[in-house]
Every structure is written in structure tokens, then in C-alpha cells.
Amino acid sequence: MTSTHTPATEPRWHRRKEDRPAEILEAALIEFGSKGYAATRLDDIAKRAGCTKGTIFLYFANKEELLMAIARQFVVPRLEMAEQIVESHQGTMRELLEKLIRARWDAIACSNISMLPKLIFSEAANFPELARIYHSEIIARSHGLVERVLREGVARGEFREMDAANVARAAVAPVLMAALWKHTFAPHLDNAHEISPFFETSLDLLLRGIARTETTGGDA
């Protein structure tokens, strides 16, 4: 008599093999953010990801490669989305600039990705190649997008003449500052300042500062 064999439940590591790299990166981001890069062990990451340290080595050679992979996994797709927003935008450059800066704020300062700037800044001296790659693939690309919008705003007469490259850096600086504050000082202060009002104030200063104003003479 032929018997019908029902296989046992598929092992977790086989069932979700395609999800494993993303799970490892998510675990690494949390561990790096809570313990710091140097203090985090691959064993810690493996435990949080629900795998073995050997499994991590199937996908990533070391912690440095893990950190860069985190940036590519969580930040680059948002950059690509921002580029699509710029390409499809139909309104004013002021509206587009505000949309980009708010998207950056939501992505960096208000999510787990906010841990990333502190990690990169603190490890740049120890891993200069990591710093160079992060700058070329993410920072320069992001600044270039904001600079493009600023230059187009000047060309359309919406914005005043400016040093677009440095204004682009200034535009995103408050977002980075908020992310650093969130993971450096805020956890240790009883009266840590709410960061959202800081962002709204900095955005208002930016938009007012670059707006083109007409000189009409006489008292304002």
C-alpha cells in the first residue's frame, strides 16, 4: 500500500532564505545604534537576526561591509524615490524643495535610519574607505539633487542668486544635526528638546532665506 507522506514544517532558515540578508541588516542597524559600532559583536547581530554568525559570513565579509550594506539597503532606495519625485514634479521649485527636505526628515530623523549618520561620522576615521564610499554614493548624490532644484529655482526667478552648492549642504544640515542629537544627547537628558519644532524652524529659515524679494524702495 502506498502511503502519503506529509513533510514536516519547512525549516525557518530554508523557508525565508531570500529574506535573510535584509533581516541581518535590520538586526545590525539596531545593534550598531544601541551599542556602537566597535562594541557590537557579530554574535550579537546573529542572535537578534535569529541566525548563526556563520550565516552572516555567507552574505557579508565583515562589520564594515555590513555598515555600508545598511546604507545601501535603507538609504539608497529613498534617494531613488527622491529622484523620481524631482523628475515628475509639476509645481514650483519651492514646493519641490520643501517636499524633498521633508522626505529627508521623515526618512532620517524619524526612523531607525537616524542611527546611521552618527555611525558613519564616528567610524570615518577608522574606516576611510567606508567614508569615501558613503560620501560618493549617498551624500554627494543627495546634495546634488537639492542643488539641482535650487539652481532651477534661481533660473525660474523663484529663488535669489546664491551659492547653490553650499546652500544645498546647509539645507540638509539640520536634519543631520537632529539625527545626531537624537542618538547622542536626547537619551541622557530628562528635558530633551522635541526635534520637530527645530526642523520646522530651520525649514522656514531656509525657504525665507532663498526666496527672491523685489526691492521696492521706501519703508517696508
C-alpha atoms as a PDB file:
ATOM      1  CA  MET A   1       0.000   0.000   0.000  1.00  0.00           C
ATOM      2  CA  THR A   2       1.316   3.395  -0.982  1.00  0.00           C
ATOM      3  CA  SER A   3       1.385   5.795   1.910  1.00  0.00           C
ATOM      4  CA  THR A   4       1.090   9.516   1.635  1.00  0.00           C
ATOM      5  CA  HIS A   5       3.886  11.287   3.472  1.00  0.00           C
ATOM      6  CA  THR A   6       3.237  14.788   4.748  1.00  0.00           C
ATOM      7  CA  PRO A   7       6.544  16.638   5.068  1.00  0.00           C
ATOM      8  CA  ALA A   8       7.382  18.332   8.316  1.00  0.00           C
ATOM      9  CA  THR A   9       7.111  22.063   8.611  1.00  0.00           C
ATOM     10  CA  GLU A  10       9.734  23.647   6.405  1.00  0.00           C
ATOM     11  CA  PRO A  11      12.748  24.854   8.384  1.00  0.00           C
ATOM     12  CA  ARG A  12      12.782  28.585   9.096  1.00  0.00           C
ATOM     13  CA  TRP A  13      16.173  29.144   7.516  1.00  0.00           C
ATOM     14  CA  HIS A  14      15.051  27.462   4.301  1.00  0.00           C
ATOM     15  CA  ARG A  15      11.574  28.933   4.219  1.00  0.00           C
ATOM     16  CA  ARG A  16      12.865  32.517   4.480  1.00  0.00           C
ATOM     17  CA  LYS A  17      16.259  32.213   2.866  1.00  0.00           C
ATOM     18  CA  GLU A  18      15.580  35.080   0.478  1.00  0.00           C
ATOM     19  CA  ASP A  19      14.747  37.352   3.431  1.00  0.00           C
ATOM     20  CA  ARG A  20      17.886  36.566   5.399  1.00  0.00           C
ATOM     21  CA  PRO A  21      20.175  39.417   4.222  1.00  0.00           C
ATOM     22  CA  ALA A  22      17.513  42.041   4.991  1.00  0.00           C
ATOM     23  CA  GLU A  23      16.914  40.516   8.439  1.00  0.00           C
ATOM     24  CA  ILE A  24      20.643  40.608   9.178  1.00  0.00           C
ATOM     25  CA  LEU A  25      20.899  44.250   8.112  1.00  0.00           C
ATOM     26  CA  GLU A  26      17.908  45.236  10.233  1.00  0.00           C
ATOM     27  CA  ALA A  27      19.443  43.497  13.235  1.00  0.00           C
ATOM     28  CA  ALA A  28      22.835  45.092  12.584  1.00  0.00           C
ATOM     29  CA  LEU A  29      21.303  48.566  12.393  1.00  0.00           C
ATOM     30  CA  ILE A  30      19.635  48.110  15.776  1.00  0.00           C
ATOM     31  CA  GLU A  31      22.740  46.635  17.406  1.00  0.00           C
ATOM     32  CA  PHE A  32      25.074  49.283  15.994  1.00  0.00           C
ATOM     33  CA  GLY A  33      22.694  52.017  17.058  1.00  0.00           C
ATOM     34  CA  SER A  34      22.276  50.772  20.626  1.00  0.00           C
ATOM     35  CA  LYS A  35      25.822  49.590  21.387  1.00  0.00           C
ATOM     36  CA  GLY A  36      28.004  51.482  18.952  1.00  0.00           C
ATOM     37  CA  TYR A  37      29.949  50.032  16.070  1.00  0.00           C
ATOM     38  CA  ALA A  38      33.072  48.945  17.964  1.00  0.00           C
ATOM     39  CA  ALA A  39      31.192  47.297  20.854  1.00  0.00           C
ATOM     40  CA  THR A  40      28.815  45.327  18.649  1.00  0.00           C
ATOM     41  CA  ARG A  41      29.813  41.724  18.016  1.00  0.00           C
ATOM     42  CA  LEU A  42      28.707  39.662  15.075  1.00  0.00           C
ATOM     43  CA  ASP A  43      27.330  37.199  17.634  1.00  0.00           C
ATOM     44  CA  ASP A  44      25.004  39.968  18.882  1.00  0.00           C
ATOM     45  CA  ILE A  45      23.763  40.634  15.371  1.00  0.00           C
ATOM     46  CA  ALA A  46      23.289  36.936  14.661  1.00  0.00           C
ATOM     47  CA  LYS A  47      21.283  36.454  17.853  1.00  0.00           C
ATOM     48  CA  ARG A  48      18.964  39.347  17.035  1.00  0.00           C
ATOM     49  CA  ALA A  49      18.560  38.147  13.435  1.00  0.00           C
ATOM     50  CA  GLY A  50      17.813  34.592  14.565  1.00  0.00           C
ATOM     51  CA  CYS A  51      20.720  33.006  12.737  1.00  0.00           C
ATOM     52  CA  THR A  52      24.309  31.913  13.328  1.00  0.00           C
ATOM     53  CA  LYS A  53      27.424  34.024  12.884  1.00  0.00           C
ATOM     54  CA  GLY A  54      28.385  31.702  10.054  1.00  0.00           C
ATOM     55  CA  THR A  55      25.195  32.659   8.223  1.00  0.00           C
ATOM     56  CA  ILE A  56      26.236  36.323   8.332  1.00  0.00           C
ATOM     57  CA  PHE A  57      29.502  35.440   6.603  1.00  0.00           C
ATOM     58  CA  LEU A  58      27.536  33.912   3.729  1.00  0.00           C
ATOM     59  CA  TYR A  59      26.408  37.431   2.819  1.00  0.00           C
ATOM     60  CA  PHE A  60      28.834  39.915   4.411  1.00  0.00           C
ATOM     61  CA  ALA A  61      32.595  39.652   4.864  1.00  0.00           C
ATOM     62  CA  ASN A  62      32.876  41.825   7.986  1.00  0.00           C
ATOM     63  CA  LYS A  63      31.249  44.567  10.064  1.00  0.00           C
ATOM     64  CA  GLU A  64      32.492  47.311   7.745  1.00  0.00           C
ATOM     65  CA  GLU A  65      30.748  45.691   4.796  1.00  0.00           C
ATOM     66  CA  LEU A  66      27.629  45.288   6.927  1.00  0.00           C
ATOM     67  CA  LEU A  67      27.577  49.000   7.738  1.00  0.00           C
ATOM     68  CA  MET A  68      27.879  50.011   4.083  1.00  0.00           C
ATOM     69  CA  ALA A  69      25.219  47.487   3.124  1.00  0.00           C
ATOM     70  CA  ILE A  70      22.888  49.070   5.682  1.00  0.00           C
ATOM     71  CA  ALA A  71      23.323  52.431   3.962  1.00  0.00           C
ATOM     72  CA  ARG A  72      22.622  50.910   0.559  1.00  0.00           C
ATOM     73  CA  GLN A  73      19.623  48.944   1.807  1.00  0.00           C
ATOM     74  CA  PHE A  74      17.865  51.704   3.721  1.00  0.00           C
ATOM     75  CA  VAL A  75      19.046  55.000   2.223  1.00  0.00           C
ATOM     76  CA  VAL A  76      19.681  54.457  -1.492  1.00  0.00           C
ATOM     77  CA  PRO A  77      16.061  53.417  -2.273  1.00  0.00           C
ATOM     78  CA  ARG A  78      14.866  56.648  -0.651  1.00  0.00           C
ATOM     79  CA  LEU A  79      17.325  58.600  -2.775  1.00  0.00           C
ATOM     80  CA  GLU A  80      15.961  56.902  -5.874  1.00  0.00           C
ATOM     81  CA  MET A  81      12.451  57.823  -4.776  1.00  0.00           C
ATOM     82  CA  ALA A  82      13.525  61.448  -4.294  1.00  0.00           C
ATOM     83  CA  GLU A  83      14.997  61.486  -7.795  1.00  0.00           C
ATOM     84  CA  GLN A  84      11.705  60.207  -9.178  1.00  0.00           C
ATOM     85  CA  ILE A  85       9.869  62.973  -7.297  1.00  0.00           C
ATOM     86  CA  VAL A  86      12.101  65.574  -8.919  1.00  0.00           C
ATOM     87  CA  GLU A  87      11.594  64.123 -12.399  1.00  0.00           C
ATOM     88  CA  SER A  88       7.807  64.024 -12.106  1.00  0.00           C
ATOM     89  CA  HIS A  89       7.222  67.287 -10.218  1.00  0.00           C
ATOM     90  CA  GLN A  90       4.874  69.776 -11.895  1.00  0.00           C
ATOM     91  CA  GLY A  91       4.706  72.622  -9.363  1.00  0.00           C
ATOM     92  CA  THR A  92       7.065  75.306  -8.125  1.00  0.00           C
ATOM     93  CA  MET A  93      10.647  74.705  -7.083  1.00  0.00           C
ATOM     94  CA  ARG A  94       9.795  75.951  -3.603  1.00  0.00           C
ATOM     95  CA  GLU A  95       7.177  73.219  -3.271  1.00  0.00           C
ATOM     96  CA  LEU A  96       9.602  70.650  -4.605  1.00  0.00           C
ATOM     97  CA  LEU A  97      12.411  71.718  -2.285  1.00  0.00           C
ATOM     98  CA  GLU A  98      10.136  71.556   0.751  1.00  0.00           C
ATOM     99  CA  LYS A  99       8.901  68.125  -0.337  1.00  0.00           C
ATOM    100  CA  LEU A 100      12.485  66.841  -0.631  1.00  0.00           C
ATOM    101  CA  ILE A 101      13.605  68.229   2.720  1.00  0.00           C
ATOM    102  CA  ARG A 102      10.527  66.859   4.492  1.00  0.00           C
ATOM    103  CA  ALA A 103      11.071  63.463   2.900  1.00  0.00           C
ATOM    104  CA  ARG A 104      14.658  63.521   4.131  1.00  0.00           C
ATOM    105  CA  TRP A 105      13.452  64.432   7.600  1.00  0.00           C
ATOM    106  CA  ASP A 106      10.922  61.599   7.677  1.00  0.00           C
ATOM    107  CA  ALA A 107      13.491  59.102   6.403  1.00  0.00           C
ATOM    108  CA  ILE A 108      16.461  60.096   8.546  1.00  0.00           C
ATOM    109  CA  ALA A 109      15.385  61.820  11.739  1.00  0.00           C
ATOM    110  CA  CYS A 110      12.099  59.986  12.372  1.00  0.00           C
ATOM    111  CA  SER A 111      13.085  56.366  11.765  1.00  0.00           C
ATOM    112  CA  ASN A 112      15.742  53.825  12.723  1.00  0.00           C
ATOM    113  CA  ILE A 113      17.869  55.172   9.882  1.00  0.00           C
ATOM    114  CA  SER A 114      18.560  58.162  12.125  1.00  0.00           C
ATOM    115  CA  MET A 115      21.231  55.984  13.766  1.00  0.00           C
ATOM    116  CA  LEU A 116      23.228  55.864  10.544  1.00  0.00           C
ATOM    117  CA  PRO A 117      24.783  59.380  10.400  1.00  0.00           C
ATOM    118  CA  LYS A 118      26.245  59.012  13.891  1.00  0.00           C
ATOM    119  CA  LEU A 119      27.673  55.596  12.992  1.00  0.00           C
ATOM    120  CA  ILE A 120      29.270  56.860   9.789  1.00  0.00           C
ATOM    121  CA  PHE A 121      30.674  60.015  11.395  1.00  0.00           C
ATOM    122  CA  SER A 122      32.137  58.123  14.342  1.00  0.00           C
ATOM    123  CA  GLU A 123      33.764  55.419  12.215  1.00  0.00           C
ATOM    124  CA  ALA A 124      35.024  57.529   9.294  1.00  0.00           C
ATOM    125  CA  ALA A 125      38.492  57.956  10.790  1.00  0.00           C
ATOM    126  CA  ASN A 126      38.852  54.226  11.419  1.00  0.00           C
ATOM    127  CA  PHE A 127      37.480  53.217   8.027  1.00  0.00           C
ATOM    128  CA  PRO A 128      38.350  55.949   5.496  1.00  0.00           C
ATOM    129  CA  GLU A 129      37.273  53.821   2.535  1.00  0.00           C
ATOM    130  CA  LEU A 130      33.835  53.476   4.114  1.00  0.00           C
ATOM    131  CA  ALA A 131      33.651  57.270   4.430  1.00  0.00           C
ATOM    132  CA  ARG A 132      34.640  57.757   0.785  1.00  0.00           C
ATOM    133  CA  ILE A 133      32.084  55.248  -0.480  1.00  0.00           C
ATOM    134  CA  TYR A 134      29.302  56.677   1.700  1.00  0.00           C
ATOM    135  CA  HIS A 135      30.095  60.189   0.500  1.00  0.00           C
ATOM    136  CA  SER A 136      30.181  59.310  -3.183  1.00  0.00           C
ATOM    137  CA  GLU A 137      27.141  57.011  -3.212  1.00  0.00           C
ATOM    138  CA  ILE A 138      24.870  58.882  -0.811  1.00  0.00           C
ATOM    139  CA  ILE A 139      25.969  62.326   0.411  1.00  0.00           C
ATOM    140  CA  ALA A 140      27.176  63.720  -2.925  1.00  0.00           C
ATOM    141  CA  ARG A 141      24.181  62.240  -4.738  1.00  0.00           C
ATOM    142  CA  SER A 142      21.740  63.706  -2.224  1.00  0.00           C
ATOM    143  CA  HIS A 143      23.351  67.149  -2.195  1.00  0.00           C
ATOM    144  CA  GLY A 144      23.468  67.126  -5.970  1.00  0.00           C
ATOM    145  CA  LEU A 145      19.720  66.585  -6.134  1.00  0.00           C
ATOM    146  CA  VAL A 146      18.971  69.501  -3.785  1.00  0.00           C
ATOM    147  CA  GLU A 147      21.469  71.686  -5.645  1.00  0.00           C
ATOM    148  CA  ARG A 148      19.712  70.880  -8.917  1.00  0.00           C
ATOM    149  CA  VAL A 149      16.392  72.101  -7.503  1.00  0.00           C
ATOM    150  CA  LEU A 150      17.994  75.268  -6.137  1.00  0.00           C
ATOM    151  CA  ARG A 151      19.602  76.107  -9.480  1.00  0.00           C
ATOM    152  CA  GLU A 152      16.333  75.533 -11.311  1.00  0.00           C
ATOM    153  CA  GLY A 153      14.576  77.799  -8.804  1.00  0.00           C
ATOM    154  CA  VAL A 154      17.107  80.544  -9.485  1.00  0.00           C
ATOM    155  CA  ALA A 155      16.700  80.087 -13.248  1.00  0.00           C
ATOM    156  CA  ARG A 156      12.909  80.408 -12.930  1.00  0.00           C
ATOM    157  CA  GLY A 157      13.196  83.512 -10.811  1.00  0.00           C
ATOM    158  CA  GLU A 158      11.729  81.878  -7.698  1.00  0.00           C
ATOM    159  CA  PHE A 159      14.958  81.954  -5.690  1.00  0.00           C
ATOM    160  CA  ARG A 160      17.541  84.680  -5.322  1.00  0.00           C
ATOM    161  CA  GLU A 161      21.073  84.250  -6.644  1.00  0.00           C
ATOM    162  CA  MET A 162      23.049  82.014  -4.299  1.00  0.00           C
ATOM    163  CA  ASP A 163      25.940  79.641  -3.831  1.00  0.00           C
ATOM    164  CA  ALA A 164      23.745  76.633  -4.627  1.00  0.00           C
ATOM    165  CA  ALA A 165      26.307  74.005  -3.616  1.00  0.00           C
ATOM    166  CA  ASN A 166      26.729  75.372  -0.115  1.00  0.00           C
ATOM    167  CA  VAL A 167      23.047  76.183   0.323  1.00  0.00           C
ATOM    168  CA  ALA A 168      22.322  72.537  -0.541  1.00  0.00           C
ATOM    169  CA  ARG A 169      24.624  71.479   2.288  1.00  0.00           C
ATOM    170  CA  ALA A 170      23.016  73.962   4.657  1.00  0.00           C
ATOM    171  CA  ALA A 171      19.557  72.729   3.692  1.00  0.00           C
ATOM    172  CA  VAL A 172      20.170  69.201   4.974  1.00  0.00           C
ATOM    173  CA  ALA A 173      22.440  70.103   7.895  1.00  0.00           C
ATOM    174  CA  PRO A 174      19.539  70.498  10.391  1.00  0.00           C
ATOM    175  CA  VAL A 175      18.314  67.001   9.543  1.00  0.00           C
ATOM    176  CA  LEU A 176      21.735  65.543  10.292  1.00  0.00           C
ATOM    177  CA  MET A 177      22.027  67.622  13.449  1.00  0.00           C
ATOM    178  CA  ALA A 178      18.663  66.336  14.673  1.00  0.00           C
ATOM    179  CA  ALA A 179      19.709  62.739  13.997  1.00  0.00           C
ATOM    180  CA  LEU A 180      22.948  63.204  15.943  1.00  0.00           C
ATOM    181  CA  TRP A 181      21.116  64.893  18.820  1.00  0.00           C
ATOM    182  CA  LYS A 182      18.560  62.093  18.946  1.00  0.00           C
ATOM    183  CA  HIS A 183      21.239  59.426  19.435  1.00  0.00           C
ATOM    184  CA  THR A 184      23.847  61.400  21.390  1.00  0.00           C
ATOM    185  CA  PHE A 185      22.244  63.729  23.920  1.00  0.00           C
ATOM    186  CA  ALA A 186      18.497  63.072  23.961  1.00  0.00           C
ATOM    187  CA  PRO A 187      18.722  59.626  25.631  1.00  0.00           C
ATOM    188  CA  HIS A 188      20.596  61.137  28.574  1.00  0.00           C
ATOM    189  CA  LEU A 189      18.529  64.273  29.203  1.00  0.00           C
ATOM    190  CA  ASP A 190      15.367  64.446  31.269  1.00  0.00           C
ATOM    191  CA  ASN A 191      14.188  67.509  29.368  1.00  0.00           C
ATOM    192  CA  ALA A 192      15.376  66.634  25.868  1.00  0.00           C
ATOM    193  CA  HIS A 193      14.032  69.109  23.339  1.00  0.00           C
ATOM    194  CA  GLU A 194      11.411  67.965  20.854  1.00  0.00           C
ATOM    195  CA  ILE A 195      13.131  67.880  17.482  1.00  0.00           C
ATOM    196  CA  SER A 196      10.128  68.522  15.226  1.00  0.00           C
ATOM    197  CA  PRO A 197       9.829  72.261  16.098  1.00  0.00           C
ATOM    198  CA  PHE A 198      13.554  72.599  15.420  1.00  0.00           C
ATOM    199  CA  PHE A 199      13.043  71.143  11.960  1.00  0.00           C
ATOM    200  CA  GLU A 200      10.074  73.393  11.170  1.00  0.00           C
ATOM    201  CA  THR A 201      12.041  76.462  12.250  1.00  0.00           C
ATOM    202  CA  SER A 202      15.093  75.504  10.193  1.00  0.00           C
ATOM    203  CA  LEU A 203      12.942  74.812   7.128  1.00  0.00           C
ATOM    204  CA  ASP A 204      11.209  78.170   7.499  1.00  0.00           C
ATOM    205  CA  LEU A 205      14.574  79.942   7.732  1.00  0.00           C
ATOM    206  CA  LEU A 206      15.796  78.141   4.611  1.00  0.00           C
ATOM    207  CA  LEU A 207      12.753  78.957   2.490  1.00  0.00           C
ATOM    208  CA  ARG A 208      12.682  82.591   3.601  1.00  0.00           C
ATOM    209  CA  GLY A 209      16.413  82.939   3.094  1.00  0.00           C
ATOM    210  CA  ILE A 210      16.438  81.779  -0.517  1.00  0.00           C
ATOM    211  CA  ALA A 211      13.187  83.482  -1.588  1.00  0.00           C
ATOM    212  CA  ARG A 212      13.565  86.185  -4.189  1.00  0.00           C
ATOM    213  CA  THR A 213      12.355  89.568  -2.937  1.00  0.00           C
ATOM    214  CA  GLU A 214      11.769  92.669  -5.002  1.00  0.00           C
ATOM    215  CA  THR A 215      13.330  95.950  -3.861  1.00  0.00           C
ATOM    216  CA  THR A 216      10.538  98.491  -3.901  1.00  0.00           C
ATOM    217  CA  GLY A 217      12.168 101.332  -2.012  1.00  0.00           C
ATOM    218  CA  GLY A 218      10.711 103.209   0.940  1.00  0.00           C
ATOM    219  CA  ASP A 219       9.732 101.650   4.234  1.00  0.00           C
ATOM    220  CA  ALA A 220       8.742  98.007   4.311  1.00  0.00           C
END
